[in-house]
Amino acid sequence: MSILFDQIVFGPIKSRRFGSSLGINLLPLKDKICNFNCIYCECGWTDLKSVNDTFFSKEEILEAIEISFKELSLSNVEIDSITFAGNGEPTMHPYFSKIIDQVIFLRNKYLPGIKIVVLSNSALLSSKKVVEALQKVDLRVLKLDAGTEETFLKINQPLSSKKIDWYIDKLKEFQGKLIIQTIFLRGNYDNQFIDNTVVEEVDSWLKAIKEINPQSVMIYTIDRETPAENLEKISEAQLNLIADKVKAIGIDAKVYY
């Protein structure tokens, strides 16, 4: 079972990480569009060959956003963040950078002071326009679920041939002005046992975190049904031990359980 958002703008919803969050989905409503195929994704498997839906136009998206921002500004509903998430990877929208510019303008007009957050898997950091757009928002929350190539391929199943070292190098280019999000899990998938909490995996991941030197690390585990069966939720106690290791290298970390 997958969970797909059926609107361009959704919420506000209560987020473990971002408080009362107004979500923005730049992707089609009936299909997941992503350049990863993560075994834990609540939106289900990535199958771009089966996609029949198309991207909303920039104009349709901005109209929906302005209507929502205006309604919120006139209401007594308080929000903490405006979060780009949705049915896949938001940076894949062909007009992502222009939409970001306009959302910043509309935020300043209707909801001044509210943080704009983008959740991304980092796969399009080779695009100058994507990077520049990410640098303009308040919080860039970028994925790094593994420290080794083997585990990266098992968990995230990227659709491109880019190696994990490429991702780490691109994340380092933000010079610390980013947040890393990491999901920890274990279980059997495709006749393989996967566990990114074992000492060797955590040590490799910590080495990458130290090199990237983010402003903070968000640590969490699976919370909803996953497309891959037999995945286990990691205990809060074990996540806290991993967070302590991040703090020991001088980087802030928080567990969201």
C-alpha atoms as a PDB file:
ATOM      1  CA  MET A   1       0.000   0.000   0.000  1.00  0.00           C
ATOM      2  CA  SER A   2       1.358   3.437  -0.913  1.00  0.00           C
ATOM      3  CA  ILE A   3       0.443   6.899   0.268  1.00  0.00           C
ATOM      4  CA  LEU A   4       0.186   9.542  -2.454  1.00  0.00           C
ATOM      5  CA  PHE A   5      -0.803  13.152  -1.867  1.00  0.00           C
ATOM      6  CA  ASP A   6      -3.907  14.120  -3.831  1.00  0.00           C
ATOM      7  CA  GLN A   7      -3.346  17.878  -3.849  1.00  0.00           C
ATOM      8  CA  ILE A   8      -0.654  20.367  -4.824  1.00  0.00           C
ATOM      9  CA  VAL A   9      -0.897  22.040  -1.418  1.00  0.00           C
ATOM     10  CA  PHE A  10      -1.815  19.888   1.576  1.00  0.00           C
ATOM     11  CA  GLY A  11      -2.162  20.390   5.300  1.00  0.00           C
ATOM     12  CA  PRO A  12      -1.102  21.947   7.513  1.00  0.00           C
ATOM     13  CA  ILE A  13      -0.097  18.588   9.004  1.00  0.00           C
ATOM     14  CA  LYS A  14       1.712  17.823  12.226  1.00  0.00           C
ATOM     15  CA  SER A  15       5.279  16.898  11.333  1.00  0.00           C
ATOM     16  CA  ARG A  16       7.708  15.132  13.669  1.00  0.00           C
ATOM     17  CA  ARG A  17      10.471  17.386  12.388  1.00  0.00           C
ATOM     18  CA  PHE A  18       8.921  20.628  11.159  1.00  0.00           C
ATOM     19  CA  GLY A  19       6.004  21.313  13.482  1.00  0.00           C
ATOM     20  CA  SER A  20       2.780  22.452  11.836  1.00  0.00           C
ATOM     21  CA  SER A  21       3.779  22.107   8.212  1.00  0.00           C
ATOM     22  CA  LEU A  22       2.054  23.204   5.020  1.00  0.00           C
ATOM     23  CA  GLY A  23       3.089  20.726   2.350  1.00  0.00           C
ATOM     24  CA  ILE A  24       3.763  21.451  -1.303  1.00  0.00           C
ATOM     25  CA  ASN A  25       3.712  18.618  -3.831  1.00  0.00           C
ATOM     26  CA  LEU A  26       5.165  19.531  -7.243  1.00  0.00           C
ATOM     27  CA  LEU A  27       4.607  16.052  -8.638  1.00  0.00           C
ATOM     28  CA  PRO A  28       1.632  14.325 -10.285  1.00  0.00           C
ATOM     29  CA  LEU A  29      -1.169  13.211  -7.980  1.00  0.00           C
ATOM     30  CA  LYS A  30      -1.602   9.652  -9.238  1.00  0.00           C
ATOM     31  CA  ASP A  31       2.006   8.579  -9.719  1.00  0.00           C
ATOM     32  CA  LYS A  32       5.258   8.652  -7.793  1.00  0.00           C
ATOM     33  CA  ILE A  33       8.085  10.297  -9.746  1.00  0.00           C
ATOM     34  CA  CYS A  34      11.543   9.838  -8.279  1.00  0.00           C
ATOM     35  CA  ASN A  35      15.118   9.071  -9.273  1.00  0.00           C
ATOM     36  CA  PHE A  36      15.526   6.764  -6.257  1.00  0.00           C
ATOM     37  CA  ASN A  37      13.605   3.579  -5.501  1.00  0.00           C
ATOM     38  CA  CYS A  38      14.004   3.449  -1.725  1.00  0.00           C
ATOM     39  CA  ILE A  39      12.853   0.231  -0.106  1.00  0.00           C
ATOM     40  CA  TYR A  40      11.158   2.170   2.713  1.00  0.00           C
ATOM     41  CA  CYS A  41       9.332   4.912   0.759  1.00  0.00           C
ATOM     42  CA  GLU A  42       5.754   5.460   1.919  1.00  0.00           C
ATOM     43  CA  CYS A  43       4.859   6.543  -1.635  1.00  0.00           C
ATOM     44  CA  GLY A  44       5.603   3.026  -2.883  1.00  0.00           C
ATOM     45  CA  TRP A  45       7.937   1.750  -5.572  1.00  0.00           C
ATOM     46  CA  THR A  46       9.341   3.920  -8.353  1.00  0.00           C
ATOM     47  CA  ASP A  47       8.230   2.712 -11.774  1.00  0.00           C
ATOM     48  CA  LEU A  48       8.690   5.547 -14.232  1.00  0.00           C
ATOM     49  CA  LYS A  49       7.627   3.308 -17.143  1.00  0.00           C
ATOM     50  CA  SER A  50       4.115   3.119 -15.675  1.00  0.00           C
ATOM     51  CA  VAL A  51       3.672   6.870 -15.158  1.00  0.00           C
ATOM     52  CA  ASN A  52       0.642   8.139 -17.073  1.00  0.00           C
ATOM     53  CA  ASP A  53       0.208  11.435 -15.255  1.00  0.00           C
ATOM     54  CA  THR A  54       2.046  14.637 -16.160  1.00  0.00           C
ATOM     55  CA  PHE A  55       3.620  17.447 -14.168  1.00  0.00           C
ATOM     56  CA  PHE A  56       1.408  20.352 -13.224  1.00  0.00           C
ATOM     57  CA  SER A  57       2.373  23.552 -14.998  1.00  0.00           C
ATOM     58  CA  LYS A  58       4.265  26.201 -13.085  1.00  0.00           C
ATOM     59  CA  GLU A  59       1.194  28.445 -13.344  1.00  0.00           C
ATOM     60  CA  GLU A  60      -1.170  25.829 -11.875  1.00  0.00           C
ATOM     61  CA  ILE A  61       1.192  25.198  -8.970  1.00  0.00           C
ATOM     62  CA  LEU A  62       1.723  28.869  -8.156  1.00  0.00           C
ATOM     63  CA  GLU A  63      -2.011  29.606  -8.354  1.00  0.00           C
ATOM     64  CA  ALA A  64      -2.753  26.830  -5.843  1.00  0.00           C
ATOM     65  CA  ILE A  65       0.038  28.019  -3.565  1.00  0.00           C
ATOM     66  CA  GLU A  66      -1.065  31.654  -3.621  1.00  0.00           C
ATOM     67  CA  ILE A  67      -4.672  30.714  -2.827  1.00  0.00           C
ATOM     68  CA  SER A  68      -3.512  28.622   0.131  1.00  0.00           C
ATOM     69  CA  PHE A  69      -1.066  31.231   1.433  1.00  0.00           C
ATOM     70  CA  LYS A  70      -3.715  33.944   1.188  1.00  0.00           C
ATOM     71  CA  GLU A  71      -6.294  31.830   3.042  1.00  0.00           C
ATOM     72  CA  LEU A  72      -3.810  31.052   5.804  1.00  0.00           C
ATOM     73  CA  SER A  73      -2.831  34.689   6.166  1.00  0.00           C
ATOM     74  CA  LEU A  74      -6.486  35.583   6.774  1.00  0.00           C
ATOM     75  CA  SER A  75      -7.126  32.725   9.203  1.00  0.00           C
ATOM     76  CA  ASN A  76      -6.110  32.045  12.784  1.00  0.00           C
ATOM     77  CA  VAL A  77      -4.231  28.901  11.759  1.00  0.00           C
ATOM     78  CA  GLU A  78      -0.562  29.084  12.693  1.00  0.00           C
ATOM     79  CA  ILE A  79       2.101  27.163  10.800  1.00  0.00           C
ATOM     80  CA  ASP A  80       5.799  26.621  11.429  1.00  0.00           C
ATOM     81  CA  SER A  81       7.006  25.664   7.979  1.00  0.00           C
ATOM     82  CA  ILE A  82       6.271  25.387   4.266  1.00  0.00           C
ATOM     83  CA  THR A  83       7.669  22.043   3.171  1.00  0.00           C
ATOM     84  CA  PHE A  84       8.374  20.794  -0.347  1.00  0.00           C
ATOM     85  CA  ALA A  85       7.841  17.033  -0.209  1.00  0.00           C
ATOM     86  CA  GLY A  86       5.086  15.099  -1.958  1.00  0.00           C
ATOM     87  CA  ASN A  87       4.956  12.177  -4.363  1.00  0.00           C
ATOM     88  CA  GLY A  88       8.648  11.691  -5.050  1.00  0.00           C
ATOM     89  CA  GLU A  89      11.614  14.006  -5.616  1.00  0.00           C
ATOM     90  CA  PRO A  90      10.550  17.699  -5.805  1.00  0.00           C
ATOM     91  CA  THR A  91      13.660  18.874  -7.663  1.00  0.00           C
ATOM     92  CA  MET A  92      12.583  16.769 -10.667  1.00  0.00           C
ATOM     93  CA  HIS A  93       9.924  19.318 -11.618  1.00  0.00           C
ATOM     94  CA  PRO A  94      11.291  21.080 -14.745  1.00  0.00           C
ATOM     95  CA  TYR A  95      10.540  24.520 -13.259  1.00  0.00           C
ATOM     96  CA  PHE A  96      11.682  23.781  -9.716  1.00  0.00           C
ATOM     97  CA  SER A  97      14.033  26.775  -9.489  1.00  0.00           C
ATOM     98  CA  LYS A  98      11.465  29.272 -10.818  1.00  0.00           C
ATOM     99  CA  ILE A  99       8.790  27.876  -8.491  1.00  0.00           C
ATOM    100  CA  ILE A 100      11.126  28.333  -5.523  1.00  0.00           C
ATOM    101  CA  ASP A 101      11.696  31.989  -6.472  1.00  0.00           C
ATOM    102  CA  GLN A 102       7.963  32.652  -6.643  1.00  0.00           C
ATOM    103  CA  VAL A 103       7.184  30.764  -3.440  1.00  0.00           C
ATOM    104  CA  ILE A 104       9.739  32.894  -1.600  1.00  0.00           C
ATOM    105  CA  PHE A 105       8.012  36.002  -2.999  1.00  0.00           C
ATOM    106  CA  LEU A 106       4.551  34.718  -1.994  1.00  0.00           C
ATOM    107  CA  ARG A 107       5.777  33.655   1.442  1.00  0.00           C
ATOM    108  CA  ASN A 108       7.168  37.140   2.064  1.00  0.00           C
ATOM    109  CA  LYS A 109       3.875  38.665   0.935  1.00  0.00           C
ATOM    110  CA  TYR A 110       1.420  36.486   2.858  1.00  0.00           C
ATOM    111  CA  LEU A 111       3.318  34.488   5.496  1.00  0.00           C
ATOM    112  CA  PRO A 112       6.448  36.458   6.420  1.00  0.00           C
ATOM    113  CA  GLY A 113       8.842  34.676   8.731  1.00  0.00           C
ATOM    114  CA  ILE A 114       7.643  31.147   7.978  1.00  0.00           C
ATOM    115  CA  LYS A 115      10.522  28.849   7.040  1.00  0.00           C
ATOM    116  CA  ILE A 116      10.642  27.216   3.621  1.00  0.00           C
ATOM    117  CA  VAL A 117      11.968  23.644   3.726  1.00  0.00           C
ATOM    118  CA  VAL A 118      12.942  21.369   0.847  1.00  0.00           C
ATOM    119  CA  LEU A 119      13.333  17.618   1.323  1.00  0.00           C
ATOM    120  CA  SER A 120      15.547  16.131  -1.374  1.00  0.00           C
ATOM    121  CA  ASN A 121      17.480  12.959  -2.141  1.00  0.00           C
ATOM    122  CA  SER A 122      20.383  15.020  -3.594  1.00  0.00           C
ATOM    123  CA  ALA A 123      20.334  13.185  -6.939  1.00  0.00           C
ATOM    124  CA  LEU A 124      20.073  16.392  -9.013  1.00  0.00           C
ATOM    125  CA  LEU A 125      22.858  18.348  -7.322  1.00  0.00           C
ATOM    126  CA  SER A 126      24.718  18.327 -10.637  1.00  0.00           C
ATOM    127  CA  SER A 127      22.181  20.946 -11.797  1.00  0.00           C
ATOM    128  CA  LYS A 128      23.363  24.493 -11.111  1.00  0.00           C
ATOM    129  CA  LYS A 129      19.761  25.745 -11.100  1.00  0.00           C
ATOM    130  CA  VAL A 130      18.696  23.155  -8.520  1.00  0.00           C
ATOM    131  CA  VAL A 131      21.635  23.963  -6.239  1.00  0.00           C
ATOM    132  CA  GLU A 132      21.043  27.709  -6.508  1.00  0.00           C
ATOM    133  CA  ALA A 133      17.347  27.224  -5.693  1.00  0.00           C
ATOM    134  CA  LEU A 134      18.174  25.068  -2.668  1.00  0.00           C
ATOM    135  CA  GLN A 135      20.586  27.726  -1.426  1.00  0.00           C
ATOM    136  CA  LYS A 136      17.740  30.276  -1.380  1.00  0.00           C
ATOM    137  CA  VAL A 137      15.415  28.393   0.970  1.00  0.00           C
ATOM    138  CA  ASP A 138      15.644  28.396   4.764  1.00  0.00           C
ATOM    139  CA  LEU A 139      16.296  24.694   5.305  1.00  0.00           C
ATOM    140  CA  ARG A 140      17.824  22.209   2.871  1.00  0.00           C
ATOM    141  CA  VAL A 141      17.184  18.709   4.219  1.00  0.00           C
ATOM    142  CA  LEU A 142      19.173  16.244   2.148  1.00  0.00           C
ATOM    143  CA  LYS A 143      19.220  12.466   2.341  1.00  0.00           C
ATOM    144  CA  LEU A 144      22.170  10.244   3.255  1.00  0.00           C
ATOM    145  CA  ASP A 145      21.004   6.800   4.370  1.00  0.00           C
ATOM    146  CA  ALA A 146      24.314   4.965   4.141  1.00  0.00           C
ATOM    147  CA  GLY A 147      28.061   5.369   4.250  1.00  0.00           C
ATOM    148  CA  THR A 148      29.011   2.494   1.972  1.00  0.00           C
ATOM    149  CA  GLU A 149      28.265   1.924  -1.686  1.00  0.00           C
ATOM    150  CA  GLU A 150      26.832  -1.535  -1.045  1.00  0.00           C
ATOM    151  CA  THR A 151      24.272  -0.388   1.506  1.00  0.00           C
ATOM    152  CA  PHE A 152      23.438   2.767  -0.469  1.00  0.00           C
ATOM    153  CA  LEU A 153      22.509   0.608  -3.464  1.00  0.00           C
ATOM    154  CA  LYS A 154      20.448  -1.775  -1.330  1.00  0.00           C
ATOM    155  CA  ILE A 155      18.455   0.881   0.533  1.00  0.00           C
ATOM    156  CA  ASN A 156      18.078   3.711  -1.984  1.00  0.00           C
ATOM    157  CA  GLN A 157      18.308   1.828  -5.305  1.00  0.00           C
ATOM    158  CA  PRO A 158      19.182   4.955  -7.342  1.00  0.00           C
ATOM    159  CA  LEU A 159      18.112   4.973 -10.971  1.00  0.00           C
ATOM    160  CA  SER A 160      21.400   6.522 -12.065  1.00  0.00           C
ATOM    161  CA  SER A 161      24.915   5.088 -11.896  1.00  0.00           C
ATOM    162  CA  LYS A 162      26.276   7.847  -9.625  1.00  0.00           C
ATOM    163  CA  LYS A 163      28.335   6.422  -6.762  1.00  0.00           C
ATOM    164  CA  ILE A 164      27.825   7.345  -3.132  1.00  0.00           C
ATOM    165  CA  ASP A 165      31.102   9.290  -3.188  1.00  0.00           C
ATOM    166  CA  TRP A 166      29.560  11.606  -5.785  1.00  0.00           C
ATOM    167  CA  TYR A 167      26.677  12.364  -3.402  1.00  0.00           C
ATOM    168  CA  ILE A 168      29.012  12.978  -0.490  1.00  0.00           C
ATOM    169  CA  ASP A 169      31.166  15.343  -2.567  1.00  0.00           C
ATOM    170  CA  LYS A 170      28.086  17.293  -3.691  1.00  0.00           C
ATOM    171  CA  LEU A 171      26.809  17.559  -0.120  1.00  0.00           C
ATOM    172  CA  LYS A 172      30.201  18.895   0.985  1.00  0.00           C
ATOM    173  CA  GLU A 173      29.815  21.761  -1.507  1.00  0.00           C
ATOM    174  CA  PHE A 174      27.084  23.287   0.681  1.00  0.00           C
ATOM    175  CA  GLN A 175      29.860  24.070   3.174  1.00  0.00           C
ATOM    176  CA  GLY A 176      27.811  22.995   6.153  1.00  0.00           C
ATOM    177  CA  LYS A 177      24.680  24.962   5.251  1.00  0.00           C
ATOM    178  CA  LEU A 178      22.385  21.950   5.132  1.00  0.00           C
ATOM    179  CA  ILE A 179      20.688  19.340   7.287  1.00  0.00           C
ATOM    180  CA  ILE A 180      21.260  15.643   6.692  1.00  0.00           C
ATOM    181  CA  GLN A 181      18.347  13.255   7.163  1.00  0.00           C
ATOM    182  CA  THR A 182      19.037   9.559   7.686  1.00  0.00           C
ATOM    183  CA  ILE A 183      16.675   6.645   8.159  1.00  0.00           C
ATOM    184  CA  PHE A 184      17.931   3.575   9.983  1.00  0.00           C
ATOM    185  CA  LEU A 185      16.369   0.174   9.396  1.00  0.00           C
ATOM    186  CA  ARG A 186      17.042  -3.532   9.101  1.00  0.00           C
ATOM    187  CA  GLY A 187      15.374  -6.453   7.424  1.00  0.00           C
ATOM    188  CA  ASN A 188      15.348  -8.871   4.524  1.00  0.00           C
ATOM    189  CA  TYR A 189      14.810  -7.680   0.984  1.00  0.00           C
ATOM    190  CA  ASP A 190      15.571  -9.389  -2.335  1.00  0.00           C
ATOM    191  CA  ASN A 191      17.202 -12.323  -0.540  1.00  0.00           C
ATOM    192  CA  GLN A 192      19.607 -10.017   1.268  1.00  0.00           C
ATOM    193  CA  PHE A 193      19.772  -8.907   4.878  1.00  0.00           C
ATOM    194  CA  ILE A 194      20.106  -5.135   5.182  1.00  0.00           C
ATOM    195  CA  ASP A 195      21.137  -3.333   8.365  1.00  0.00           C
ATOM    196  CA  ASN A 196      22.650   0.156   8.366  1.00  0.00           C
ATOM    197  CA  THR A 197      22.941   0.174  12.165  1.00  0.00           C
ATOM    198  CA  VAL A 198      25.853  -2.280  12.433  1.00  0.00           C
ATOM    199  CA  VAL A 199      29.166  -0.830  13.628  1.00  0.00           C
ATOM    200  CA  GLU A 200      30.898  -0.894  10.231  1.00  0.00           C
ATOM    201  CA  GLU A 201      28.010   0.862   8.505  1.00  0.00           C
ATOM    202  CA  VAL A 202      27.572   3.509  11.205  1.00  0.00           C
ATOM    203  CA  ASP A 203      31.309   4.203  11.215  1.00  0.00           C
ATOM    204  CA  SER A 204      31.359   4.711   7.423  1.00  0.00           C
ATOM    205  CA  TRP A 205      28.293   6.943   7.643  1.00  0.00           C
ATOM    206  CA  LEU A 206      29.858   8.952  10.489  1.00  0.00           C
ATOM    207  CA  LYS A 207      32.992   9.471   8.402  1.00  0.00           C
ATOM    208  CA  ALA A 208      30.834  10.931   5.613  1.00  0.00           C
ATOM    209  CA  ILE A 209      28.888  13.085   8.094  1.00  0.00           C
ATOM    210  CA  LYS A 210      32.136  14.482   9.465  1.00  0.00           C
ATOM    211  CA  GLU A 211      33.295  15.375   5.946  1.00  0.00           C
ATOM    212  CA  ILE A 212      29.980  17.015   5.035  1.00  0.00           C
ATOM    213  CA  ASN A 213      29.858  18.835   8.401  1.00  0.00           C
ATOM    214  CA  PRO A 214      26.126  19.698   8.286  1.00  0.00           C
ATOM    215  CA  GLN A 215      24.502  22.105  10.738  1.00  0.00           C
ATOM    216  CA  SER A 216      22.569  19.124  12.114  1.00  0.00           C
ATOM    217  CA  VAL A 217      21.506  15.534  11.453  1.00  0.00           C
ATOM    218  CA  MET A 218      17.928  14.260  11.628  1.00  0.00           C
ATOM    219  CA  ILE A 219      17.807  10.595  12.640  1.00  0.00           C
ATOM    220  CA  TYR A 220      14.659   8.532  12.308  1.00  0.00           C
ATOM    221  CA  THR A 221      13.324   5.093  11.401  1.00  0.00           C
ATOM    222  CA  ILE A 222      10.382   3.689   9.477  1.00  0.00           C
ATOM    223  CA  ASP A 223       7.025   4.925  10.734  1.00  0.00           C
ATOM    224  CA  ARG A 224       4.547   3.672   8.131  1.00  0.00           C
ATOM    225  CA  GLU A 225       4.010   0.681   5.893  1.00  0.00           C
ATOM    226  CA  THR A 226       6.920   0.156   3.485  1.00  0.00           C
ATOM    227  CA  PRO A 227       6.904  -1.237  -0.077  1.00  0.00           C
ATOM    228  CA  ALA A 228       9.549  -3.788   0.873  1.00  0.00           C
ATOM    229  CA  GLU A 229       8.149  -6.306   3.311  1.00  0.00           C
ATOM    230  CA  ASN A 230       9.984  -7.546   6.412  1.00  0.00           C
ATOM    231  CA  LEU A 231      11.689  -4.262   7.314  1.00  0.00           C
ATOM    232  CA  GLU A 232      12.122  -3.599  11.025  1.00  0.00           C
ATOM    233  CA  LYS A 233      11.801  -0.375  12.969  1.00  0.00           C
ATOM    234  CA  ILE A 234      14.932   0.489  14.945  1.00  0.00           C
ATOM    235  CA  SER A 235      14.456   1.152  18.661  1.00  0.00           C
ATOM    236  CA  GLU A 236      14.571   4.695  19.981  1.00  0.00           C
ATOM    237  CA  ALA A 237      17.382   3.676  22.339  1.00  0.00           C
ATOM    238  CA  GLN A 238      19.577   2.518  19.453  1.00  0.00           C
ATOM    239  CA  LEU A 239      18.837   5.668  17.458  1.00  0.00           C
ATOM    240  CA  ASN A 240      19.869   7.746  20.462  1.00  0.00           C
ATOM    241  CA  LEU A 241      23.174   5.872  20.649  1.00  0.00           C
ATOM    242  CA  ILE A 242      23.824   6.741  16.990  1.00  0.00           C
ATOM    243  CA  ALA A 243      22.883  10.367  17.669  1.00  0.00           C
ATOM    244  CA  ASP A 244      25.370  10.435  20.553  1.00  0.00           C
ATOM    245  CA  LYS A 245      28.102   9.347  18.149  1.00  0.00           C
ATOM    246  CA  VAL A 246      27.238  12.253  15.855  1.00  0.00           C
ATOM    247  CA  LYS A 247      27.347  14.684  18.768  1.00  0.00           C
ATOM    248  CA  ALA A 248      30.738  13.251  19.775  1.00  0.00           C
ATOM    249  CA  ILE A 249      32.212  14.504  16.491  1.00  0.00           C
ATOM    250  CA  GLY A 250      30.861  17.978  17.170  1.00  0.00           C
ATOM    251  CA  ILE A 251      27.694  17.946  15.060  1.00  0.00           C
ATOM    252  CA  ASP A 252      24.184  18.433  16.412  1.00  0.00           C
ATOM    253  CA  ALA A 253      21.857  15.458  16.037  1.00  0.00           C
ATOM    254  CA  LYS A 254      18.274  14.751  17.001  1.00  0.00           C
ATOM    255  CA  VAL A 255      16.192  11.599  16.967  1.00  0.00           C
ATOM    256  CA  TYR A 256      12.622  11.739  15.642  1.00  0.00           C
ATOM    257  CA  TYR A 257      10.683   8.689  16.734  1.00  0.00           C
END
